[in-house]
């Protein structure tokens, strides 16, 4: 108990004293996750919106593969990206292995199926409600997908926030392709694993507290966004009822 108390107190000192090593790791972790989510969310929202509207041969098989990728272990993603970026791999000429770029790529590959699948579900549900009306107005597949995605933008914001939470808490893939190099590719999750194995519990605990705080903030944002959306819907219904009366 004394050891835990000492570690917790030392972790709080690291946080409040703005330890440069700790906060450099935090900043690097957030930056990598932000870049990865920007790439994955841009591609995933577009692809998911199109899949929610488009109907073509083999769509069910494609959706089955997409849903399977949701459960893809992060270490497998790391291995695949490692093979792609290794010297003998097809992308080895880029020289990205054990760099921030490799970590961003691995996280983007990991998050892409999540964003695509959730976006597809949101847009497909909206398509069932409004798609026939848009189609009668002459909106083609791409136009309907864009309009429905915009209509579901608040739900998609929740998807994007959840995707960032998935990325920032990931450890396996970035450990494999980044190498956990001190001062270069070490992020919160890999640092926690390393410092715990070394017995440096204060730093590991401080990083864990920051990671928990980030996840907590993301969940608060999702809840606040949901309540805000419900408030907007309630205000709209009230105004419509007032106009009818």
C-alpha atoms as a PDB file:
ATOM      1  CA  UNK A   1       0.000   0.000   0.000  1.00  0.00           C
ATOM      2  CA  UNK A   2       2.882   2.349   0.851  1.00  0.00           C
ATOM      3  CA  UNK A   3       4.489   1.575  -2.509  1.00  0.00           C
ATOM      4  CA  UNK A   4       1.264   2.395  -4.318  1.00  0.00           C
ATOM      5  CA  UNK A   5       0.808   5.604  -2.345  1.00  0.00           C
ATOM      6  CA  UNK A   6       4.384   6.677  -3.048  1.00  0.00           C
ATOM      7  CA  UNK A   7       3.964   5.941  -6.767  1.00  0.00           C
ATOM      8  CA  UNK A   8       0.665   7.813  -6.924  1.00  0.00           C
ATOM      9  CA  UNK A   9       2.139  10.827  -5.150  1.00  0.00           C
ATOM     10  CA  UNK A  10       5.198  10.831  -7.436  1.00  0.00           C
ATOM     11  CA  UNK A  11       2.905  10.558 -10.472  1.00  0.00           C
ATOM     12  CA  UNK A  12       0.946  13.610  -9.349  1.00  0.00           C
ATOM     13  CA  UNK A  13       4.197  15.511  -8.857  1.00  0.00           C
ATOM     14  CA  UNK A  14       5.234  14.663 -12.415  1.00  0.00           C
ATOM     15  CA  UNK A  15       1.899  15.956 -13.701  1.00  0.00           C
ATOM     16  CA  UNK A  16       1.774  19.197 -11.750  1.00  0.00           C
ATOM     17  CA  UNK A  17       5.468  19.974 -12.154  1.00  0.00           C
ATOM     18  CA  UNK A  18       5.047  19.735 -15.950  1.00  0.00           C
ATOM     19  CA  UNK A  19       7.699  17.062 -16.364  1.00  0.00           C
ATOM     20  CA  UNK A  20       9.153  17.588 -19.878  1.00  0.00           C
ATOM     21  CA  UNK A  21       9.607  13.879 -20.599  1.00  0.00           C
ATOM     22  CA  UNK A  22       6.036  13.054 -19.623  1.00  0.00           C
ATOM     23  CA  UNK A  23       4.394  15.881 -21.530  1.00  0.00           C
ATOM     24  CA  UNK A  24       6.533  15.332 -24.637  1.00  0.00           C
ATOM     25  CA  UNK A  25       5.223  11.758 -24.722  1.00  0.00           C
ATOM     26  CA  UNK A  26       1.651  13.002 -24.252  1.00  0.00           C
ATOM     27  CA  UNK A  27       2.003  15.588 -27.011  1.00  0.00           C
ATOM     28  CA  UNK A  28       3.514  13.069 -29.420  1.00  0.00           C
ATOM     29  CA  UNK A  29       0.752  10.564 -28.695  1.00  0.00           C
ATOM     30  CA  UNK A  30      -2.025  13.088 -29.283  1.00  0.00           C
ATOM     31  CA  UNK A  31      -0.364  14.363 -32.467  1.00  0.00           C
ATOM     32  CA  UNK A  32       0.035  10.877 -33.951  1.00  0.00           C
ATOM     33  CA  UNK A  33      -3.569   9.965 -33.137  1.00  0.00           C
ATOM     34  CA  UNK A  34      -4.888  13.249 -34.515  1.00  0.00           C
ATOM     35  CA  UNK A  35      -3.064  12.811 -37.825  1.00  0.00           C
ATOM     36  CA  UNK A  36      -4.141   9.179 -38.127  1.00  0.00           C
ATOM     37  CA  UNK A  37      -7.780  10.020 -37.393  1.00  0.00           C
ATOM     38  CA  UNK A  38      -7.753  12.902 -39.875  1.00  0.00           C
ATOM     39  CA  UNK A  39      -6.638  10.545 -42.634  1.00  0.00           C
ATOM     40  CA  UNK A  40      -8.832   7.608 -41.642  1.00  0.00           C
ATOM     41  CA  UNK A  41     -11.948   9.696 -40.962  1.00  0.00           C
ATOM     42  CA  UNK A  42     -11.718  11.569 -44.261  1.00  0.00           C
ATOM     43  CA  UNK A  43     -11.499   8.337 -46.246  1.00  0.00           C
ATOM     44  CA  UNK A  44     -13.822   6.371 -43.956  1.00  0.00           C
ATOM     45  CA  UNK A  45     -16.675   8.886 -43.983  1.00  0.00           C
ATOM     46  CA  UNK A  46     -16.623   9.145 -47.780  1.00  0.00           C
ATOM     47  CA  UNK A  47     -16.400   5.373 -48.308  1.00  0.00           C
ATOM     48  CA  UNK A  48     -18.936   4.589 -45.574  1.00  0.00           C
ATOM     49  CA  UNK A  49     -21.448   7.137 -46.898  1.00  0.00           C
ATOM     50  CA  UNK A  50     -21.162   5.644 -50.368  1.00  0.00           C
ATOM     51  CA  UNK A  51     -21.570   2.078 -49.063  1.00  0.00           C
ATOM     52  CA  UNK A  52     -24.674   3.166 -47.163  1.00  0.00           C
ATOM     53  CA  UNK A  53     -26.402   4.160 -50.384  1.00  0.00           C
ATOM     54  CA  UNK A  54     -24.815   2.140 -53.196  1.00  0.00           C
ATOM     55  CA  UNK A  55     -26.230  -1.229 -54.210  1.00  0.00           C
ATOM     56  CA  UNK A  56     -24.043  -3.514 -56.308  1.00  0.00           C
ATOM     57  CA  UNK A  57     -23.098  -7.159 -56.762  1.00  0.00           C
ATOM     58  CA  UNK A  58     -20.825  -8.362 -53.985  1.00  0.00           C
ATOM     59  CA  UNK A  59     -21.862  -5.620 -51.534  1.00  0.00           C
ATOM     60  CA  UNK A  60     -22.872  -8.117 -48.850  1.00  0.00           C
ATOM     61  CA  UNK A  61     -19.514  -9.867 -49.126  1.00  0.00           C
ATOM     62  CA  UNK A  62     -17.717  -6.517 -48.887  1.00  0.00           C
ATOM     63  CA  UNK A  63     -19.707  -5.584 -45.788  1.00  0.00           C
ATOM     64  CA  UNK A  64     -18.858  -8.943 -44.232  1.00  0.00           C
ATOM     65  CA  UNK A  65     -15.163  -8.275 -44.781  1.00  0.00           C
ATOM     66  CA  UNK A  66     -15.559  -4.748 -43.411  1.00  0.00           C
ATOM     67  CA  UNK A  67     -17.298  -5.991 -40.270  1.00  0.00           C
ATOM     68  CA  UNK A  68     -14.586  -8.630 -39.842  1.00  0.00           C
ATOM     69  CA  UNK A  69     -11.921  -5.922 -39.945  1.00  0.00           C
ATOM     70  CA  UNK A  70     -13.589  -4.270 -36.938  1.00  0.00           C
ATOM     71  CA  UNK A  71     -12.164  -7.072 -34.794  1.00  0.00           C
ATOM     72  CA  UNK A  72      -8.737  -7.048 -36.448  1.00  0.00           C
ATOM     73  CA  UNK A  73      -6.090  -7.247 -33.679  1.00  0.00           C
ATOM     74  CA  UNK A  74      -3.834  -4.217 -33.541  1.00  0.00           C
ATOM     75  CA  UNK A  75      -0.688  -6.350 -33.514  1.00  0.00           C
ATOM     76  CA  UNK A  76      -1.767  -7.906 -36.823  1.00  0.00           C
ATOM     77  CA  UNK A  77      -2.159  -4.415 -38.285  1.00  0.00           C
ATOM     78  CA  UNK A  78       1.294  -3.578 -36.966  1.00  0.00           C
ATOM     79  CA  UNK A  79       2.732  -6.710 -38.545  1.00  0.00           C
ATOM     80  CA  UNK A  80       1.144  -5.979 -41.934  1.00  0.00           C
ATOM     81  CA  UNK A  81       2.354  -2.374 -41.929  1.00  0.00           C
ATOM     82  CA  UNK A  82       5.791  -3.558 -40.798  1.00  0.00           C
ATOM     83  CA  UNK A  83       5.991  -5.956 -43.754  1.00  0.00           C
ATOM     84  CA  UNK A  84       4.889  -3.218 -46.132  1.00  0.00           C
ATOM     85  CA  UNK A  85       7.480  -0.734 -44.855  1.00  0.00           C
ATOM     86  CA  UNK A  86      10.390  -3.123 -44.293  1.00  0.00           C
ATOM     87  CA  UNK A  87      13.355  -2.947 -46.665  1.00  0.00           C
ATOM     88  CA  UNK A  88      12.114  -5.961 -48.618  1.00  0.00           C
ATOM     89  CA  UNK A  89       8.511  -4.726 -48.613  1.00  0.00           C
ATOM     90  CA  UNK A  90       6.717  -2.902 -51.440  1.00  0.00           C
ATOM     91  CA  UNK A  91       6.892   0.432 -49.572  1.00  0.00           C
ATOM     92  CA  UNK A  92      10.367  -0.041 -48.157  1.00  0.00           C
ATOM     93  CA  UNK A  93      11.771   2.693 -50.402  1.00  0.00           C
ATOM     94  CA  UNK A  94       9.878   5.268 -48.319  1.00  0.00           C
ATOM     95  CA  UNK A  95      12.093   4.640 -45.297  1.00  0.00           C
ATOM     96  CA  UNK A  96       9.175   5.120 -42.895  1.00  0.00           C
ATOM     97  CA  UNK A  97       9.780   2.157 -40.599  1.00  0.00           C
ATOM     98  CA  UNK A  98      10.364   3.118 -36.946  1.00  0.00           C
ATOM     99  CA  UNK A  99       9.144   6.649 -37.543  1.00  0.00           C
ATOM    100  CA  UNK A 100       6.140   8.822 -36.743  1.00  0.00           C
ATOM    101  CA  UNK A 101       4.887   8.312 -40.306  1.00  0.00           C
ATOM    102  CA  UNK A 102       4.752   4.545 -39.818  1.00  0.00           C
ATOM    103  CA  UNK A 103       2.818   4.979 -36.576  1.00  0.00           C
ATOM    104  CA  UNK A 104       0.320   7.324 -38.234  1.00  0.00           C
ATOM    105  CA  UNK A 105      -0.147   4.840 -41.076  1.00  0.00           C
ATOM    106  CA  UNK A 106      -0.706   1.926 -38.679  1.00  0.00           C
ATOM    107  CA  UNK A 107      -3.254   3.820 -36.607  1.00  0.00           C
ATOM    108  CA  UNK A 108      -5.032   5.041 -39.749  1.00  0.00           C
ATOM    109  CA  UNK A 109      -5.325   1.475 -41.045  1.00  0.00           C
ATOM    110  CA  UNK A 110      -6.648   0.384 -37.655  1.00  0.00           C
ATOM    111  CA  UNK A 111      -9.246   3.157 -37.383  1.00  0.00           C
ATOM    112  CA  UNK A 112     -10.409   3.165 -41.020  1.00  0.00           C
ATOM    113  CA  UNK A 113     -12.692   0.084 -40.771  1.00  0.00           C
ATOM    114  CA  UNK A 114     -14.318   1.468 -37.609  1.00  0.00           C
ATOM    115  CA  UNK A 115     -15.167   4.812 -39.194  1.00  0.00           C
ATOM    116  CA  UNK A 116     -16.286   3.221 -42.458  1.00  0.00           C
ATOM    117  CA  UNK A 117     -18.561   0.650 -40.815  1.00  0.00           C
ATOM    118  CA  UNK A 118     -20.212   3.085 -38.401  1.00  0.00           C
ATOM    119  CA  UNK A 119     -20.671   5.728 -41.107  1.00  0.00           C
ATOM    120  CA  UNK A 120     -22.178   3.148 -43.431  1.00  0.00           C
ATOM    121  CA  UNK A 121     -24.693   2.140 -40.763  1.00  0.00           C
ATOM    122  CA  UNK A 122     -25.701   5.747 -40.027  1.00  0.00           C
ATOM    123  CA  UNK A 123     -26.123   6.641 -43.686  1.00  0.00           C
ATOM    124  CA  UNK A 124     -27.934   3.411 -44.535  1.00  0.00           C
ATOM    125  CA  UNK A 125     -30.468   4.036 -41.764  1.00  0.00           C
ATOM    126  CA  UNK A 126     -30.999   7.555 -43.109  1.00  0.00           C
ATOM    127  CA  UNK A 127     -31.323   6.140 -46.627  1.00  0.00           C
ATOM    128  CA  UNK A 128     -34.237   3.970 -45.529  1.00  0.00           C
ATOM    129  CA  UNK A 129     -36.012   7.063 -44.195  1.00  0.00           C
ATOM    130  CA  UNK A 130     -35.195   9.703 -46.801  1.00  0.00           C
ATOM    131  CA  UNK A 131     -33.452   7.980 -49.696  1.00  0.00           C
ATOM    132  CA  UNK A 132     -36.556   7.361 -51.775  1.00  0.00           C
ATOM    133  CA  UNK A 133     -37.562  11.013 -51.546  1.00  0.00           C
ATOM    134  CA  UNK A 134     -34.093  12.199 -52.586  1.00  0.00           C
ATOM    135  CA  UNK A 135     -34.028   9.680 -55.433  1.00  0.00           C
ATOM    136  CA  UNK A 136     -37.384  10.955 -56.697  1.00  0.00           C
ATOM    137  CA  UNK A 137     -35.846  14.438 -56.844  1.00  0.00           C
ATOM    138  CA  UNK A 138     -33.110  13.128 -59.133  1.00  0.00           C
ATOM    139  CA  UNK A 139     -30.274  12.741 -56.628  1.00  0.00           C
ATOM    140  CA  UNK A 140     -27.819  10.097 -57.825  1.00  0.00           C
ATOM    141  CA  UNK A 141     -25.909   7.722 -55.546  1.00  0.00           C
ATOM    142  CA  UNK A 142     -23.014  10.027 -54.693  1.00  0.00           C
ATOM    143  CA  UNK A 143     -25.294  13.012 -54.187  1.00  0.00           C
ATOM    144  CA  UNK A 144     -27.584  11.045 -51.885  1.00  0.00           C
ATOM    145  CA  UNK A 145     -24.656   9.724 -49.887  1.00  0.00           C
ATOM    146  CA  UNK A 146     -23.260  13.241 -49.370  1.00  0.00           C
ATOM    147  CA  UNK A 147     -26.641  14.740 -48.477  1.00  0.00           C
ATOM    148  CA  UNK A 148     -27.468  11.954 -46.040  1.00  0.00           C
ATOM    149  CA  UNK A 149     -23.998  12.139 -44.459  1.00  0.00           C
ATOM    150  CA  UNK A 150     -24.493  15.860 -43.930  1.00  0.00           C
ATOM    151  CA  UNK A 151     -27.919  15.222 -42.449  1.00  0.00           C
ATOM    152  CA  UNK A 152     -26.328  12.741 -40.014  1.00  0.00           C
ATOM    153  CA  UNK A 153     -23.334  15.004 -39.274  1.00  0.00           C
ATOM    154  CA  UNK A 154     -23.962  15.075 -35.523  1.00  0.00           C
ATOM    155  CA  UNK A 155     -24.011  11.287 -35.339  1.00  0.00           C
ATOM    156  CA  UNK A 156     -20.866  11.183 -37.456  1.00  0.00           C
ATOM    157  CA  UNK A 157     -19.144  13.588 -35.064  1.00  0.00           C
ATOM    158  CA  UNK A 158     -19.719  10.977 -32.371  1.00  0.00           C
ATOM    159  CA  UNK A 159     -18.125   8.407 -34.671  1.00  0.00           C
ATOM    160  CA  UNK A 160     -15.081  10.626 -35.165  1.00  0.00           C
ATOM    161  CA  UNK A 161     -14.661  11.187 -31.427  1.00  0.00           C
ATOM    162  CA  UNK A 162     -14.919   7.450 -30.782  1.00  0.00           C
ATOM    163  CA  UNK A 163     -12.362   6.808 -33.529  1.00  0.00           C
ATOM    164  CA  UNK A 164      -9.898   9.169 -31.863  1.00  0.00           C
ATOM    165  CA  UNK A 165     -10.382   7.334 -28.587  1.00  0.00           C
ATOM    166  CA  UNK A 166      -9.640   4.044 -30.378  1.00  0.00           C
ATOM    167  CA  UNK A 167      -6.485   5.471 -31.885  1.00  0.00           C
ATOM    168  CA  UNK A 168      -5.047   7.170 -28.809  1.00  0.00           C
ATOM    169  CA  UNK A 169      -5.479   4.047 -26.656  1.00  0.00           C
ATOM    170  CA  UNK A 170      -3.850   1.688 -29.184  1.00  0.00           C
ATOM    171  CA  UNK A 171      -0.545   0.022 -28.270  1.00  0.00           C
ATOM    172  CA  UNK A 172       0.204  -3.076 -30.376  1.00  0.00           C
ATOM    173  CA  UNK A 173       0.536  -1.601 -33.854  1.00  0.00           C
ATOM    174  CA  UNK A 174       2.545   1.482 -32.894  1.00  0.00           C
ATOM    175  CA  UNK A 175       4.849  -0.654 -30.773  1.00  0.00           C
ATOM    176  CA  UNK A 176       5.645  -2.872 -33.770  1.00  0.00           C
ATOM    177  CA  UNK A 177       6.145  -0.193 -36.427  1.00  0.00           C
ATOM    178  CA  UNK A 178       7.417   2.622 -34.207  1.00  0.00           C
ATOM    179  CA  UNK A 179       9.896   0.695 -32.128  1.00  0.00           C
ATOM    180  CA  UNK A 180       9.118   2.715 -28.962  1.00  0.00           C
ATOM    181  CA  UNK A 181      12.240   4.854 -29.434  1.00  0.00           C
ATOM    182  CA  UNK A 182      12.789   7.310 -26.588  1.00  0.00           C
ATOM    183  CA  UNK A 183      12.250  10.916 -27.609  1.00  0.00           C
ATOM    184  CA  UNK A 184      11.181   9.916 -31.112  1.00  0.00           C
ATOM    185  CA  UNK A 185       8.401   7.319 -31.392  1.00  0.00           C
ATOM    186  CA  UNK A 186       7.445   6.708 -27.770  1.00  0.00           C
ATOM    187  CA  UNK A 187       3.767   7.433 -27.074  1.00  0.00           C
ATOM    188  CA  UNK A 188       1.605   7.076 -23.985  1.00  0.00           C
ATOM    189  CA  UNK A 189       0.553   3.452 -24.392  1.00  0.00           C
ATOM    190  CA  UNK A 190       3.984   2.132 -25.361  1.00  0.00           C
ATOM    191  CA  UNK A 191       5.638   4.173 -22.619  1.00  0.00           C
ATOM    192  CA  UNK A 192       3.231   2.760 -20.013  1.00  0.00           C
ATOM    193  CA  UNK A 193       4.081  -0.789 -21.107  1.00  0.00           C
ATOM    194  CA  UNK A 194       7.821  -0.104 -21.044  1.00  0.00           C
ATOM    195  CA  UNK A 195       7.956   1.842 -17.779  1.00  0.00           C
ATOM    196  CA  UNK A 196       5.834  -0.767 -16.007  1.00  0.00           C
ATOM    197  CA  UNK A 197       8.198  -3.523 -17.124  1.00  0.00           C
ATOM    198  CA  UNK A 198      11.146  -1.416 -15.909  1.00  0.00           C
ATOM    199  CA  UNK A 199       9.491  -0.782 -12.557  1.00  0.00           C
ATOM    200  CA  UNK A 200       9.210   2.991 -13.090  1.00  0.00           C
ATOM    201  CA  UNK A 201       5.672   3.058 -11.737  1.00  0.00           C
ATOM    202  CA  UNK A 202       5.341   6.840 -11.151  1.00  0.00           C
ATOM    203  CA  UNK A 203       5.877   7.707 -14.820  1.00  0.00           C
ATOM    204  CA  UNK A 204       3.679   4.814 -15.980  1.00  0.00           C
ATOM    205  CA  UNK A 205       0.939   5.837 -13.546  1.00  0.00           C
ATOM    206  CA  UNK A 206       1.152   9.503 -14.551  1.00  0.00           C
ATOM    207  CA  UNK A 207       0.809   8.572 -18.229  1.00  0.00           C
ATOM    208  CA  UNK A 208      -2.071   6.271 -17.353  1.00  0.00           C
ATOM    209  CA  UNK A 209      -3.855   9.108 -15.575  1.00  0.00           C
ATOM    210  CA  UNK A 210      -3.418  11.366 -18.597  1.00  0.00           C
ATOM    211  CA  UNK A 211      -4.719   8.642 -20.910  1.00  0.00           C
ATOM    212  CA  UNK A 212      -7.735   8.087 -18.672  1.00  0.00           C
ATOM    213  CA  UNK A 213      -8.348  11.841 -18.640  1.00  0.00           C
ATOM    214  CA  UNK A 214      -8.265  11.933 -22.443  1.00  0.00           C
ATOM    215  CA  UNK A 215     -10.752   9.063 -22.688  1.00  0.00           C
ATOM    216  CA  UNK A 216     -12.956  10.748 -20.069  1.00  0.00           C
ATOM    217  CA  UNK A 217     -12.957  14.019 -22.021  1.00  0.00           C
ATOM    218  CA  UNK A 218     -13.895  12.151 -25.192  1.00  0.00           C
ATOM    219  CA  UNK A 219     -16.820  10.451 -23.450  1.00  0.00           C
ATOM    220  CA  UNK A 220     -17.971  13.768 -21.990  1.00  0.00           C
ATOM    221  CA  UNK A 221     -17.860  15.260 -25.491  1.00  0.00           C
ATOM    222  CA  UNK A 222     -19.938  12.394 -26.874  1.00  0.00           C
ATOM    223  CA  UNK A 223     -22.523  12.758 -24.090  1.00  0.00           C
ATOM    224  CA  UNK A 224     -22.666  16.545 -24.485  1.00  0.00           C
ATOM    225  CA  UNK A 225     -23.064  16.201 -28.251  1.00  0.00           C
ATOM    226  CA  UNK A 226     -25.875  13.691 -27.803  1.00  0.00           C
ATOM    227  CA  UNK A 227     -27.725  15.951 -25.344  1.00  0.00           C
ATOM    228  CA  UNK A 228     -27.217  18.948 -27.621  1.00  0.00           C
ATOM    229  CA  UNK A 229     -28.645  17.017 -30.565  1.00  0.00           C
ATOM    230  CA  UNK A 230     -31.629  15.920 -28.498  1.00  0.00           C
ATOM    231  CA  UNK A 231     -32.174  19.531 -27.437  1.00  0.00           C
ATOM    232  CA  UNK A 232     -32.098  20.707 -31.048  1.00  0.00           C
ATOM    233  CA  UNK A 233     -34.563  18.006 -32.078  1.00  0.00           C
ATOM    234  CA  UNK A 234     -36.844  18.918 -29.165  1.00  0.00           C
ATOM    235  CA  UNK A 235     -36.718  22.625 -30.037  1.00  0.00           C
ATOM    236  CA  UNK A 236     -37.489  21.847 -33.679  1.00  0.00           C
ATOM    237  CA  UNK A 237     -40.492  19.683 -32.766  1.00  0.00           C
ATOM    238  CA  UNK A 238     -41.781  22.373 -30.406  1.00  0.00           C
ATOM    239  CA  UNK A 239     -41.469  25.073 -33.061  1.00  0.00           C
ATOM    240  CA  UNK A 240     -43.252  22.896 -35.608  1.00  0.00           C
ATOM    241  CA  UNK A 241     -46.075  22.175 -33.195  1.00  0.00           C
ATOM    242  CA  UNK A 242     -46.359  25.876 -32.408  1.00  0.00           C
ATOM    243  CA  UNK A 243     -46.538  26.682 -36.110  1.00  0.00           C
ATOM    244  CA  UNK A 244     -49.253  24.110 -36.703  1.00  0.00           C
ATOM    245  CA  UNK A 245     -51.354  25.334 -33.778  1.00  0.00           C
END
